[in-house]
Amino acid sequence: MTDEEILAAVEGGLRAQGLGQTVIEPRMHLTPDPAFRGHFNVLRGYVAPLALAGVKIVGDYVDNWRKGLPSEMALLNLFDPRTGMPVAILDATAITEMRTGALTALGARHLARKDSKILGHVGARGTSYWNIRLLDHLFDFAEIRVHSRRKESREAFAQTLERDLGKKIIVTEDWQSCLEGADIMVEASRLERRDEIFKTAWIRKGACVIPYGTVSALELSMTSIMDKVVIDDFSQFRAGKFGALRPHIDAGLISEATVHGELAEIVAGKKPGRESDAETILFWHRGLSLSDIALGAAMLDKAKALGIGQTLTYA
């Protein structure tokens, strides 16, 4: 899939959501045993223009790197919503990474300043690669800074990005030097417990902040400086214990009434995105089943055209 194909597919899913042509259920979590230091996310949705319903199951295990495995591995099942007949089973590990990066990039397309030239990115997992690749595709940054907890992971991450993007990547030793003063600030960390590492004081006016770590790293004061807070889905805003803004919701610092709206509403033209360079905007996304389905459908169409894949007998 090319960068443009990925972005177009995910944007199509957002547009359908914004036009009321989808059904999305809040994600569910299964923690088999706390000792395993991981959990499963179950995402469910329906996209009417694609005539597909889908269920994705993705594991999220923080210690997988010790075993040489990705932290997130997934399967996507697509179904005919009119009959329930299975349509396809797709390896959704790459889909998860690509659609997450696409949602980050599309959020920035609508919510960041058009002249954004400095990216600060915390995190080096698979979704982080697609965040940076697709953001750079849209903005062609003059400066990209990256940081992650382990030195070896951030160094290897930077080398991969330099090879694929053809530009120098700055590897930082801490969060502050990575994020402070950047035009677009992405937080994709993997904290084990809540810690206010991402400081409000580092955000300059006019920046776009995009946090989506499972466990919040944001200072509670952060929402107080935002001119707009945009989310990916109100049902996910209401549900679950995870997410970057969950402490702010629980503390009553942000509510449905104070959220500007969903990114899908902006993509569909129902609400404005960025309205001036002076606005400081936060975009919080948890990840949408609709994005998985939309990108999975695009991959399935391309696979059929290329003669890739196999047909399975279903009794």
C-alpha atoms as a PDB file:
ATOM      1  CA  MET A   1       0.000   0.000   0.000  1.00  0.00           C
ATOM      2  CA  THR A   2       1.317   3.432  -0.886  1.00  0.00           C
ATOM      3  CA  ASP A   3       1.170   6.305   1.579  1.00  0.00           C
ATOM      4  CA  GLU A   4      -1.637   7.927  -0.413  1.00  0.00           C
ATOM      5  CA  GLU A   5      -3.623   4.690  -0.593  1.00  0.00           C
ATOM      6  CA  ILE A   6      -3.413   4.280   3.183  1.00  0.00           C
ATOM      7  CA  LEU A   7      -4.437   7.878   3.863  1.00  0.00           C
ATOM      8  CA  ALA A   8      -7.281   7.760   1.326  1.00  0.00           C
ATOM      9  CA  ALA A   9      -8.720   4.553   2.773  1.00  0.00           C
ATOM     10  CA  VAL A  10      -8.686   5.783   6.368  1.00  0.00           C
ATOM     11  CA  GLU A  11     -10.035   9.191   5.363  1.00  0.00           C
ATOM     12  CA  GLY A  12     -12.882   7.418   3.583  1.00  0.00           C
ATOM     13  CA  GLY A  13     -13.757   5.623   6.810  1.00  0.00           C
ATOM     14  CA  LEU A  14     -13.706   8.925   8.696  1.00  0.00           C
ATOM     15  CA  ARG A  15     -15.939  10.576   6.110  1.00  0.00           C
ATOM     16  CA  ALA A  16     -18.468   7.748   6.374  1.00  0.00           C
ATOM     17  CA  GLN A  17     -18.409   8.109  10.166  1.00  0.00           C
ATOM     18  CA  GLY A  18     -18.941  11.861   9.907  1.00  0.00           C
ATOM     19  CA  LEU A  19     -21.887  11.370   7.568  1.00  0.00           C
ATOM     20  CA  GLY A  20     -23.581   8.910   9.914  1.00  0.00           C
ATOM     21  CA  GLN A  21     -22.995   5.911   7.662  1.00  0.00           C
ATOM     22  CA  THR A  22     -21.278   3.729  10.261  1.00  0.00           C
ATOM     23  CA  VAL A  23     -21.850   1.883  13.509  1.00  0.00           C
ATOM     24  CA  ILE A  24     -19.005   1.818  16.004  1.00  0.00           C
ATOM     25  CA  GLU A  25     -18.980   0.044  19.346  1.00  0.00           C
ATOM     26  CA  PRO A  26     -16.566   1.043  22.114  1.00  0.00           C
ATOM     27  CA  ARG A  27     -13.575  -1.242  22.295  1.00  0.00           C
ATOM     28  CA  MET A  28     -13.589  -4.004  24.877  1.00  0.00           C
ATOM     29  CA  HIS A  29     -10.621  -5.300  26.856  1.00  0.00           C
ATOM     30  CA  LEU A  30      -9.649  -8.779  27.980  1.00  0.00           C
ATOM     31  CA  THR A  31      -6.802  -9.191  30.482  1.00  0.00           C
ATOM     32  CA  PRO A  32      -6.109 -12.949  30.727  1.00  0.00           C
ATOM     33  CA  ASP A  33      -3.742 -12.635  33.679  1.00  0.00           C
ATOM     34  CA  PRO A  34      -2.037  -9.490  35.057  1.00  0.00           C
ATOM     35  CA  ALA A  35       1.173 -11.496  35.368  1.00  0.00           C
ATOM     36  CA  PHE A  36       1.393 -11.654  31.566  1.00  0.00           C
ATOM     37  CA  ARG A  37       1.619  -7.822  31.417  1.00  0.00           C
ATOM     38  CA  GLY A  38      -0.697  -7.479  28.491  1.00  0.00           C
ATOM     39  CA  HIS A  39      -4.284  -7.419  27.303  1.00  0.00           C
ATOM     40  CA  PHE A  40      -6.455  -7.837  24.231  1.00  0.00           C
ATOM     41  CA  ASN A  41      -8.487  -5.079  22.586  1.00  0.00           C
ATOM     42  CA  VAL A  42     -11.627  -6.089  20.705  1.00  0.00           C
ATOM     43  CA  LEU A  43     -12.843  -3.501  18.171  1.00  0.00           C
ATOM     44  CA  ARG A  44     -16.154  -3.766  16.308  1.00  0.00           C
ATOM     45  CA  GLY A  45     -17.771  -1.697  13.601  1.00  0.00           C
ATOM     46  CA  TYR A  46     -19.793  -1.402  10.396  1.00  0.00           C
ATOM     47  CA  VAL A  47     -19.109   0.825   7.368  1.00  0.00           C
ATOM     48  CA  ALA A  48     -22.183   1.072   5.138  1.00  0.00           C
ATOM     49  CA  PRO A  49     -20.494   2.452   1.970  1.00  0.00           C
ATOM     50  CA  LEU A  50     -18.127  -0.541   2.021  1.00  0.00           C
ATOM     51  CA  ALA A  51     -20.911  -3.038   2.816  1.00  0.00           C
ATOM     52  CA  LEU A  52     -18.665  -4.563   5.476  1.00  0.00           C
ATOM     53  CA  ALA A  53     -18.792  -5.232   9.180  1.00  0.00           C
ATOM     54  CA  GLY A  54     -15.598  -6.083  11.012  1.00  0.00           C
ATOM     55  CA  VAL A  55     -14.136  -7.319  14.269  1.00  0.00           C
ATOM     56  CA  LYS A  56     -10.468  -6.910  15.112  1.00  0.00           C
ATOM     57  CA  ILE A  57      -8.702  -8.569  18.013  1.00  0.00           C
ATOM     58  CA  VAL A  58      -5.314  -7.126  18.873  1.00  0.00           C
ATOM     59  CA  GLY A  59      -2.997  -8.141  21.680  1.00  0.00           C
ATOM     60  CA  ASP A  60      -0.980  -5.451  23.464  1.00  0.00           C
ATOM     61  CA  TYR A  61       1.905  -6.955  25.456  1.00  0.00           C
ATOM     62  CA  VAL A  62       4.599  -4.620  26.763  1.00  0.00           C
ATOM     63  CA  ASP A  63       7.309  -7.276  27.232  1.00  0.00           C
ATOM     64  CA  ASN A  64       7.084  -8.821  23.772  1.00  0.00           C
ATOM     65  CA  TRP A  65      10.281  -7.063  22.692  1.00  0.00           C
ATOM     66  CA  ARG A  66      12.172  -9.407  25.037  1.00  0.00           C
ATOM     67  CA  LYS A  67      10.935 -12.318  22.908  1.00  0.00           C
ATOM     68  CA  GLY A  68      11.634 -10.607  19.585  1.00  0.00           C
ATOM     69  CA  LEU A  69       7.911 -10.126  18.955  1.00  0.00           C
ATOM     70  CA  PRO A  70       5.894  -7.001  18.108  1.00  0.00           C
ATOM     71  CA  SER A  71       4.064  -5.582  21.111  1.00  0.00           C
ATOM     72  CA  GLU A  72       0.848  -5.545  19.080  1.00  0.00           C
ATOM     73  CA  MET A  73      -0.317  -8.454  16.901  1.00  0.00           C
ATOM     74  CA  ALA A  74      -3.783  -8.581  15.399  1.00  0.00           C
ATOM     75  CA  LEU A  75      -6.318 -10.328  13.199  1.00  0.00           C
ATOM     76  CA  LEU A  76      -9.162  -8.590  11.363  1.00  0.00           C
ATOM     77  CA  ASN A  77     -12.312 -10.482  10.392  1.00  0.00           C
ATOM     78  CA  LEU A  78     -14.552  -8.923   7.750  1.00  0.00           C
ATOM     79  CA  PHE A  79     -18.190  -9.973   7.311  1.00  0.00           C
ATOM     80  CA  ASP A  80     -21.128  -9.383   5.002  1.00  0.00           C
ATOM     81  CA  PRO A  81     -23.432  -7.316   7.257  1.00  0.00           C
ATOM     82  CA  ARG A  82     -26.560  -8.513   5.382  1.00  0.00           C
ATOM     83  CA  THR A  83     -26.006 -12.223   5.993  1.00  0.00           C
ATOM     84  CA  GLY A  84     -23.202 -12.580   8.549  1.00  0.00           C
ATOM     85  CA  MET A  85     -21.153 -14.528   6.006  1.00  0.00           C
ATOM     86  CA  PRO A  86     -17.382 -14.224   6.595  1.00  0.00           C
ATOM     87  CA  VAL A  87     -15.690 -12.306   3.783  1.00  0.00           C
ATOM     88  CA  ALA A  88     -12.014 -12.310   4.753  1.00  0.00           C
ATOM     89  CA  ILE A  89      -9.464 -12.889   7.487  1.00  0.00           C
ATOM     90  CA  LEU A  90      -6.550 -10.459   7.351  1.00  0.00           C
ATOM     91  CA  ASP A  91      -3.282 -10.168   9.222  1.00  0.00           C
ATOM     92  CA  ALA A  92      -4.029  -6.886  10.982  1.00  0.00           C
ATOM     93  CA  THR A  93      -0.678  -6.200  12.621  1.00  0.00           C
ATOM     94  CA  ALA A  94       0.408  -3.990   9.720  1.00  0.00           C
ATOM     95  CA  ILE A  95      -3.153  -2.685   9.336  1.00  0.00           C
ATOM     96  CA  THR A  96      -3.139  -1.577  12.988  1.00  0.00           C
ATOM     97  CA  GLU A  97       0.176   0.213  12.556  1.00  0.00           C
ATOM     98  CA  MET A  98      -0.762   1.869   9.256  1.00  0.00           C
ATOM     99  CA  ARG A  99      -4.263   2.989  10.221  1.00  0.00           C
ATOM    100  CA  THR A 100      -2.987   4.422  13.518  1.00  0.00           C
ATOM    101  CA  GLY A 101      -0.345   6.408  11.680  1.00  0.00           C
ATOM    102  CA  ALA A 102      -2.926   7.528   9.146  1.00  0.00           C
ATOM    103  CA  LEU A 103      -5.296   8.756  11.861  1.00  0.00           C
ATOM    104  CA  THR A 104      -2.440  10.709  13.457  1.00  0.00           C
ATOM    105  CA  ALA A 105      -1.491  12.220  10.092  1.00  0.00           C
ATOM    106  CA  LEU A 106      -5.069  13.035   9.072  1.00  0.00           C
ATOM    107  CA  GLY A 107      -5.657  14.656  12.445  1.00  0.00           C
ATOM    108  CA  ALA A 108      -2.614  16.852  11.847  1.00  0.00           C
ATOM    109  CA  ARG A 109      -3.744  17.640   8.294  1.00  0.00           C
ATOM    110  CA  HIS A 110      -6.892  19.248   9.694  1.00  0.00           C
ATOM    111  CA  LEU A 111      -5.632  20.493  13.064  1.00  0.00           C
ATOM    112  CA  ALA A 112      -1.947  21.447  12.748  1.00  0.00           C
ATOM    113  CA  ARG A 113      -0.606  24.622  11.169  1.00  0.00           C
ATOM    114  CA  LYS A 114       0.040  24.150   7.461  1.00  0.00           C
ATOM    115  CA  ASP A 115       3.590  25.470   7.892  1.00  0.00           C
ATOM    116  CA  SER A 116       4.499  23.008  10.672  1.00  0.00           C
ATOM    117  CA  LYS A 117       8.175  22.103  10.258  1.00  0.00           C
ATOM    118  CA  ILE A 118       9.260  20.529  13.572  1.00  0.00           C
ATOM    119  CA  LEU A 119       7.959  17.146  14.732  1.00  0.00           C
ATOM    120  CA  GLY A 120       8.587  15.813  18.236  1.00  0.00           C
ATOM    121  CA  HIS A 121       7.652  12.140  18.637  1.00  0.00           C
ATOM    122  CA  VAL A 122       7.874   9.972  21.772  1.00  0.00           C
ATOM    123  CA  GLY A 123       7.604   6.252  21.084  1.00  0.00           C
ATOM    124  CA  ALA A 124       9.307   3.793  18.750  1.00  0.00           C
ATOM    125  CA  ARG A 125       6.819   0.953  18.284  1.00  0.00           C
ATOM    126  CA  GLY A 126       5.269  -0.070  14.982  1.00  0.00           C
ATOM    127  CA  THR A 127       2.558   2.567  14.992  1.00  0.00           C
ATOM    128  CA  SER A 128       5.225   5.215  15.621  1.00  0.00           C
ATOM    129  CA  TYR A 129       6.920   4.433  12.315  1.00  0.00           C
ATOM    130  CA  TRP A 130       3.699   5.079  10.400  1.00  0.00           C
ATOM    131  CA  ASN A 131       2.952   8.204  12.433  1.00  0.00           C
ATOM    132  CA  ILE A 132       6.205   9.752  11.337  1.00  0.00           C
ATOM    133  CA  ARG A 133       6.237   8.407   7.796  1.00  0.00           C
ATOM    134  CA  LEU A 134       2.731   9.634   6.988  1.00  0.00           C
ATOM    135  CA  LEU A 135       3.126  12.927   8.846  1.00  0.00           C
ATOM    136  CA  ASP A 136       6.319  13.627   6.920  1.00  0.00           C
ATOM    137  CA  HIS A 137       4.532  12.695   3.695  1.00  0.00           C
ATOM    138  CA  LEU A 138       2.085  15.529   4.400  1.00  0.00           C
ATOM    139  CA  PHE A 139       4.377  18.143   5.979  1.00  0.00           C
ATOM    140  CA  ASP A 140       7.947  17.405   4.760  1.00  0.00           C
ATOM    141  CA  PHE A 141       9.470  18.372   8.099  1.00  0.00           C
ATOM    142  CA  ALA A 142      12.725  20.291   8.406  1.00  0.00           C
ATOM    143  CA  GLU A 143      13.357  18.648  11.798  1.00  0.00           C
ATOM    144  CA  ILE A 144      12.195  15.320  13.220  1.00  0.00           C
ATOM    145  CA  ARG A 145      13.035  14.421  16.831  1.00  0.00           C
ATOM    146  CA  VAL A 146      12.399  10.995  18.352  1.00  0.00           C
ATOM    147  CA  HIS A 147      12.700   9.528  21.819  1.00  0.00           C
ATOM    148  CA  SER A 148      11.832   6.233  23.478  1.00  0.00           C
ATOM    149  CA  ARG A 149      12.627   4.628  26.809  1.00  0.00           C
ATOM    150  CA  ARG A 150      15.287   2.217  25.566  1.00  0.00           C
ATOM    151  CA  LYS A 151      18.357   3.669  23.863  1.00  0.00           C
ATOM    152  CA  GLU A 152      18.750   0.716  21.503  1.00  0.00           C
ATOM    153  CA  SER A 153      15.157   0.972  20.295  1.00  0.00           C
ATOM    154  CA  ARG A 154      15.295   4.697  19.578  1.00  0.00           C
ATOM    155  CA  GLU A 155      18.643   4.421  17.787  1.00  0.00           C
ATOM    156  CA  ALA A 156      17.402   1.581  15.579  1.00  0.00           C
ATOM    157  CA  PHE A 157      14.134   3.444  14.993  1.00  0.00           C
ATOM    158  CA  ALA A 158      15.976   6.552  13.828  1.00  0.00           C
ATOM    159  CA  GLN A 159      18.144   4.507  11.450  1.00  0.00           C
ATOM    160  CA  THR A 160      15.052   2.958   9.853  1.00  0.00           C
ATOM    161  CA  LEU A 161      13.423   6.372   9.442  1.00  0.00           C
ATOM    162  CA  GLU A 162      16.583   7.910   7.964  1.00  0.00           C
ATOM    163  CA  ARG A 163      16.772   5.091   5.431  1.00  0.00           C
ATOM    164  CA  ASP A 164      13.106   5.321   4.422  1.00  0.00           C
ATOM    165  CA  LEU A 165      12.581   9.097   4.589  1.00  0.00           C
ATOM    166  CA  GLY A 166      15.993  10.150   3.317  1.00  0.00           C
ATOM    167  CA  LYS A 167      16.537  12.779   5.999  1.00  0.00           C
ATOM    168  CA  LYS A 168      18.342  13.203   9.300  1.00  0.00           C
ATOM    169  CA  ILE A 169      16.505  12.121  12.447  1.00  0.00           C
ATOM    170  CA  ILE A 170      17.455  13.669  15.798  1.00  0.00           C
ATOM    171  CA  VAL A 171      17.528  11.130  18.640  1.00  0.00           C
ATOM    172  CA  THR A 172      16.986  12.736  22.051  1.00  0.00           C
ATOM    173  CA  GLU A 173      17.835  11.513  25.541  1.00  0.00           C
ATOM    174  CA  ASP A 174      14.641  12.707  27.222  1.00  0.00           C
ATOM    175  CA  TRP A 175      11.034  13.756  26.672  1.00  0.00           C
ATOM    176  CA  GLN A 176      11.642  17.475  27.050  1.00  0.00           C
ATOM    177  CA  SER A 177      14.324  17.817  24.400  1.00  0.00           C
ATOM    178  CA  CYS A 178      12.157  15.750  22.047  1.00  0.00           C
ATOM    179  CA  LEU A 179       8.870  17.594  22.490  1.00  0.00           C
ATOM    180  CA  GLU A 180       9.502  21.127  23.717  1.00  0.00           C
ATOM    181  CA  GLY A 181       8.678  23.790  21.135  1.00  0.00           C
ATOM    182  CA  ALA A 182       7.742  21.364  18.347  1.00  0.00           C
ATOM    183  CA  ASP A 183       4.964  22.337  15.937  1.00  0.00           C
ATOM    184  CA  ILE A 184       3.438  18.845  16.087  1.00  0.00           C
ATOM    185  CA  MET A 185       3.924  16.796  19.273  1.00  0.00           C
ATOM    186  CA  VAL A 186       3.019  13.099  19.218  1.00  0.00           C
ATOM    187  CA  GLU A 187       3.003  10.982  22.378  1.00  0.00           C
ATOM    188  CA  ALA A 188       2.869   7.250  21.636  1.00  0.00           C
ATOM    189  CA  SER A 189       4.639   6.016  24.746  1.00  0.00           C
ATOM    190  CA  ARG A 190       4.173   2.724  26.573  1.00  0.00           C
ATOM    191  CA  LEU A 191       4.046   3.744  30.225  1.00  0.00           C
ATOM    192  CA  GLU A 192       3.415   0.996  32.748  1.00  0.00           C
ATOM    193  CA  ARG A 193       1.729   3.399  35.171  1.00  0.00           C
ATOM    194  CA  ARG A 194       0.399   6.953  35.128  1.00  0.00           C
ATOM    195  CA  ASP A 195       3.180   9.549  35.202  1.00  0.00           C
ATOM    196  CA  GLU A 196       2.878  13.230  34.230  1.00  0.00           C
ATOM    197  CA  ILE A 197       6.010  13.222  32.072  1.00  0.00           C
ATOM    198  CA  PHE A 198       4.573  15.345  29.233  1.00  0.00           C
ATOM    199  CA  LYS A 199       4.628  18.902  30.610  1.00  0.00           C
ATOM    200  CA  THR A 200       2.182  21.623  29.639  1.00  0.00           C
ATOM    201  CA  ALA A 201       4.962  24.235  29.715  1.00  0.00           C
ATOM    202  CA  TRP A 202       6.671  22.611  26.714  1.00  0.00           C
ATOM    203  CA  ILE A 203       3.745  23.423  24.391  1.00  0.00           C
ATOM    204  CA  ARG A 204       4.047  26.649  22.478  1.00  0.00           C
ATOM    205  CA  LYS A 205       1.016  28.531  21.253  1.00  0.00           C
ATOM    206  CA  GLY A 206      -0.238  27.261  17.919  1.00  0.00           C
ATOM    207  CA  ALA A 207       1.054  23.720  18.379  1.00  0.00           C
ATOM    208  CA  CYS A 208      -0.870  20.541  17.640  1.00  0.00           C
ATOM    209  CA  VAL A 209      -0.610  17.873  20.349  1.00  0.00           C
ATOM    210  CA  ILE A 210      -1.531  14.272  19.510  1.00  0.00           C
ATOM    211  CA  PRO A 211      -1.351  11.851  22.463  1.00  0.00           C
ATOM    212  CA  TYR A 212      -2.568   8.265  22.264  1.00  0.00           C
ATOM    213  CA  GLY A 213      -0.590   6.296  24.814  1.00  0.00           C
ATOM    214  CA  THR A 214      -2.631   3.622  26.581  1.00  0.00           C
ATOM    215  CA  VAL A 215      -1.589   5.017  29.970  1.00  0.00           C
ATOM    216  CA  SER A 216      -1.698   8.800  30.284  1.00  0.00           C
ATOM    217  CA  ALA A 217       1.537  10.796  30.378  1.00  0.00           C
ATOM    218  CA  LEU A 218      -0.128  14.226  30.241  1.00  0.00           C
ATOM    219  CA  GLU A 219      -0.132  16.795  33.021  1.00  0.00           C
ATOM    220  CA  LEU A 220      -3.652  17.477  34.258  1.00  0.00           C
ATOM    221  CA  SER A 221      -3.181  21.153  33.403  1.00  0.00           C
ATOM    222  CA  MET A 222      -2.732  20.418  29.686  1.00  0.00           C
ATOM    223  CA  THR A 223      -6.369  20.645  28.650  1.00  0.00           C
ATOM    224  CA  SER A 224      -6.644  24.114  30.228  1.00  0.00           C
ATOM    225  CA  ILE A 225      -4.402  25.679  27.533  1.00  0.00           C
ATOM    226  CA  MET A 226      -6.151  24.113  24.558  1.00  0.00           C
ATOM    227  CA  ASP A 227      -8.330  26.187  22.241  1.00  0.00           C
ATOM    228  CA  LYS A 228      -9.807  22.989  20.837  1.00  0.00           C
ATOM    229  CA  VAL A 229      -9.866  19.361  21.929  1.00  0.00           C
ATOM    230  CA  VAL A 230     -10.809  16.938  19.158  1.00  0.00           C
ATOM    231  CA  ILE A 231     -11.412  13.205  19.610  1.00  0.00           C
ATOM    232  CA  ASP A 232     -11.959  10.230  17.313  1.00  0.00           C
ATOM    233  CA  ASP A 233     -15.229   8.933  18.779  1.00  0.00           C
ATOM    234  CA  PHE A 234     -17.557  10.021  21.583  1.00  0.00           C
ATOM    235  CA  SER A 235     -18.480   6.457  22.545  1.00  0.00           C
ATOM    236  CA  GLN A 236     -14.801   5.719  23.214  1.00  0.00           C
ATOM    237  CA  PHE A 237     -14.505   9.037  25.049  1.00  0.00           C
ATOM    238  CA  ARG A 238     -17.151   7.788  27.495  1.00  0.00           C
ATOM    239  CA  ALA A 239     -15.914   4.223  27.943  1.00  0.00           C
ATOM    240  CA  GLY A 240     -12.942   2.340  29.340  1.00  0.00           C
ATOM    241  CA  LYS A 241     -10.166   3.025  31.800  1.00  0.00           C
ATOM    242  CA  PHE A 242      -7.336   3.593  29.320  1.00  0.00           C
ATOM    243  CA  GLY A 243      -6.234   6.575  27.256  1.00  0.00           C
ATOM    244  CA  ALA A 244      -4.312   9.821  27.388  1.00  0.00           C
ATOM    245  CA  LEU A 245      -7.266  11.964  28.555  1.00  0.00           C
ATOM    246  CA  ARG A 246      -8.876   9.455  30.925  1.00  0.00           C
ATOM    247  CA  PRO A 247      -7.488  11.208  34.064  1.00  0.00           C
ATOM    248  CA  HIS A 248      -8.767  14.554  32.769  1.00  0.00           C
ATOM    249  CA  ILE A 249     -12.237  13.109  32.185  1.00  0.00           C
ATOM    250  CA  ASP A 250     -12.291  11.483  35.627  1.00  0.00           C
ATOM    251  CA  ALA A 251     -11.199  14.757  37.248  1.00  0.00           C
ATOM    252  CA  GLY A 252     -13.962  16.705  35.488  1.00  0.00           C
ATOM    253  CA  LEU A 253     -11.452  18.830  33.572  1.00  0.00           C
ATOM    254  CA  ILE A 254     -12.917  17.892  30.202  1.00  0.00           C
ATOM    255  CA  SER A 255     -16.344  16.659  29.139  1.00  0.00           C
ATOM    256  CA  GLU A 256     -18.420  16.018  26.050  1.00  0.00           C
ATOM    257  CA  ALA A 257     -19.688  19.578  26.357  1.00  0.00           C
ATOM    258  CA  THR A 258     -16.180  21.044  26.150  1.00  0.00           C
ATOM    259  CA  VAL A 259     -14.877  18.821  23.342  1.00  0.00           C
ATOM    260  CA  HIS A 260     -14.927  20.568  19.954  1.00  0.00           C
ATOM    261  CA  GLY A 261     -16.010  17.417  18.151  1.00  0.00           C
ATOM    262  CA  GLU A 262     -14.890  14.260  16.387  1.00  0.00           C
ATOM    263  CA  LEU A 263     -12.277  14.303  13.634  1.00  0.00           C
ATOM    264  CA  ALA A 264     -14.857  12.599  11.425  1.00  0.00           C
ATOM    265  CA  GLU A 265     -17.156  15.625  11.715  1.00  0.00           C
ATOM    266  CA  ILE A 266     -14.302  17.822  10.493  1.00  0.00           C
ATOM    267  CA  VAL A 267     -13.438  15.495   7.604  1.00  0.00           C
ATOM    268  CA  ALA A 268     -17.114  15.434   6.571  1.00  0.00           C
ATOM    269  CA  GLY A 269     -17.259  19.251   6.624  1.00  0.00           C
ATOM    270  CA  LYS A 270     -19.716  19.462   9.514  1.00  0.00           C
ATOM    271  CA  LYS A 271     -17.354  21.281  11.864  1.00  0.00           C
ATOM    272  CA  PRO A 272     -14.276  23.448  11.293  1.00  0.00           C
ATOM    273  CA  GLY A 273     -10.778  22.177  11.968  1.00  0.00           C
ATOM    274  CA  ARG A 274      -8.022  24.678  12.647  1.00  0.00           C
ATOM    275  CA  GLU A 275      -9.330  28.196  12.162  1.00  0.00           C
ATOM    276  CA  SER A 276      -6.186  30.226  12.881  1.00  0.00           C
ATOM    277  CA  ASP A 277      -2.438  29.743  13.340  1.00  0.00           C
ATOM    278  CA  ALA A 278      -2.784  30.934  16.944  1.00  0.00           C
ATOM    279  CA  GLU A 279      -4.967  28.011  18.025  1.00  0.00           C
ATOM    280  CA  THR A 280      -3.406  25.370  20.260  1.00  0.00           C
ATOM    281  CA  ILE A 281      -5.182  22.092  19.550  1.00  0.00           C
ATOM    282  CA  LEU A 282      -5.135  18.612  21.084  1.00  0.00           C
ATOM    283  CA  PHE A 283      -6.287  15.563  19.126  1.00  0.00           C
ATOM    284  CA  TRP A 284      -6.847  12.420  21.198  1.00  0.00           C
ATOM    285  CA  HIS A 285      -7.414   9.163  19.384  1.00  0.00           C
ATOM    286  CA  ARG A 286      -7.887   5.665  20.754  1.00  0.00           C
ATOM    287  CA  GLY A 287      -8.071   3.974  17.366  1.00  0.00           C
ATOM    288  CA  LEU A 288     -11.169   3.212  15.326  1.00  0.00           C
ATOM    289  CA  SER A 289     -12.546  -0.125  14.195  1.00  0.00           C
ATOM    290  CA  LEU A 290     -13.824   1.832  11.186  1.00  0.00           C
ATOM    291  CA  SER A 291     -10.243   2.619  10.178  1.00  0.00           C
ATOM    292  CA  ASP A 292      -9.328  -1.062  10.419  1.00  0.00           C
ATOM    293  CA  ILE A 293     -12.292  -2.021   8.255  1.00  0.00           C
ATOM    294  CA  ALA A 294     -11.662   0.733   5.689  1.00  0.00           C
ATOM    295  CA  LEU A 295      -7.964  -0.062   5.323  1.00  0.00           C
ATOM    296  CA  GLY A 296      -8.636  -3.797   5.412  1.00  0.00           C
ATOM    297  CA  ALA A 297     -11.146  -3.400   2.583  1.00  0.00           C
ATOM    298  CA  ALA A 298      -8.655  -1.395   0.519  1.00  0.00           C
ATOM    299  CA  MET A 299      -5.978  -4.048   1.114  1.00  0.00           C
ATOM    300  CA  LEU A 300      -8.411  -6.794   0.167  1.00  0.00           C
ATOM    301  CA  ASP A 301      -9.296  -5.038  -3.090  1.00  0.00           C
ATOM    302  CA  LYS A 302      -5.636  -4.533  -3.958  1.00  0.00           C
ATOM    303  CA  ALA A 303      -4.790  -8.132  -3.065  1.00  0.00           C
ATOM    304  CA  LYS A 304      -7.531  -9.367  -5.372  1.00  0.00           C
ATOM    305  CA  ALA A 305      -6.219  -7.169  -8.183  1.00  0.00           C
ATOM    306  CA  LEU A 306      -2.687  -8.497  -7.653  1.00  0.00           C
ATOM    307  CA  GLY A 307      -3.769 -12.112  -7.242  1.00  0.00           C
ATOM    308  CA  ILE A 308      -2.491 -12.300  -3.664  1.00  0.00           C
ATOM    309  CA  GLY A 309      -4.089 -14.447  -0.968  1.00  0.00           C
ATOM    310  CA  GLN A 310      -6.054 -17.667  -0.928  1.00  0.00           C
ATOM    311  CA  THR A 311      -9.687 -18.705  -0.782  1.00  0.00           C
ATOM    312  CA  LEU A 312     -10.728 -20.716   2.259  1.00  0.00           C
ATOM    313  CA  THR A 313     -13.644 -23.152   2.346  1.00  0.00           C
ATOM    314  CA  TYR A 314     -16.308 -22.125   4.845  1.00  0.00           C
ATOM    315  CA  ALA A 315     -18.814 -24.836   5.751  1.00  0.00           C
END
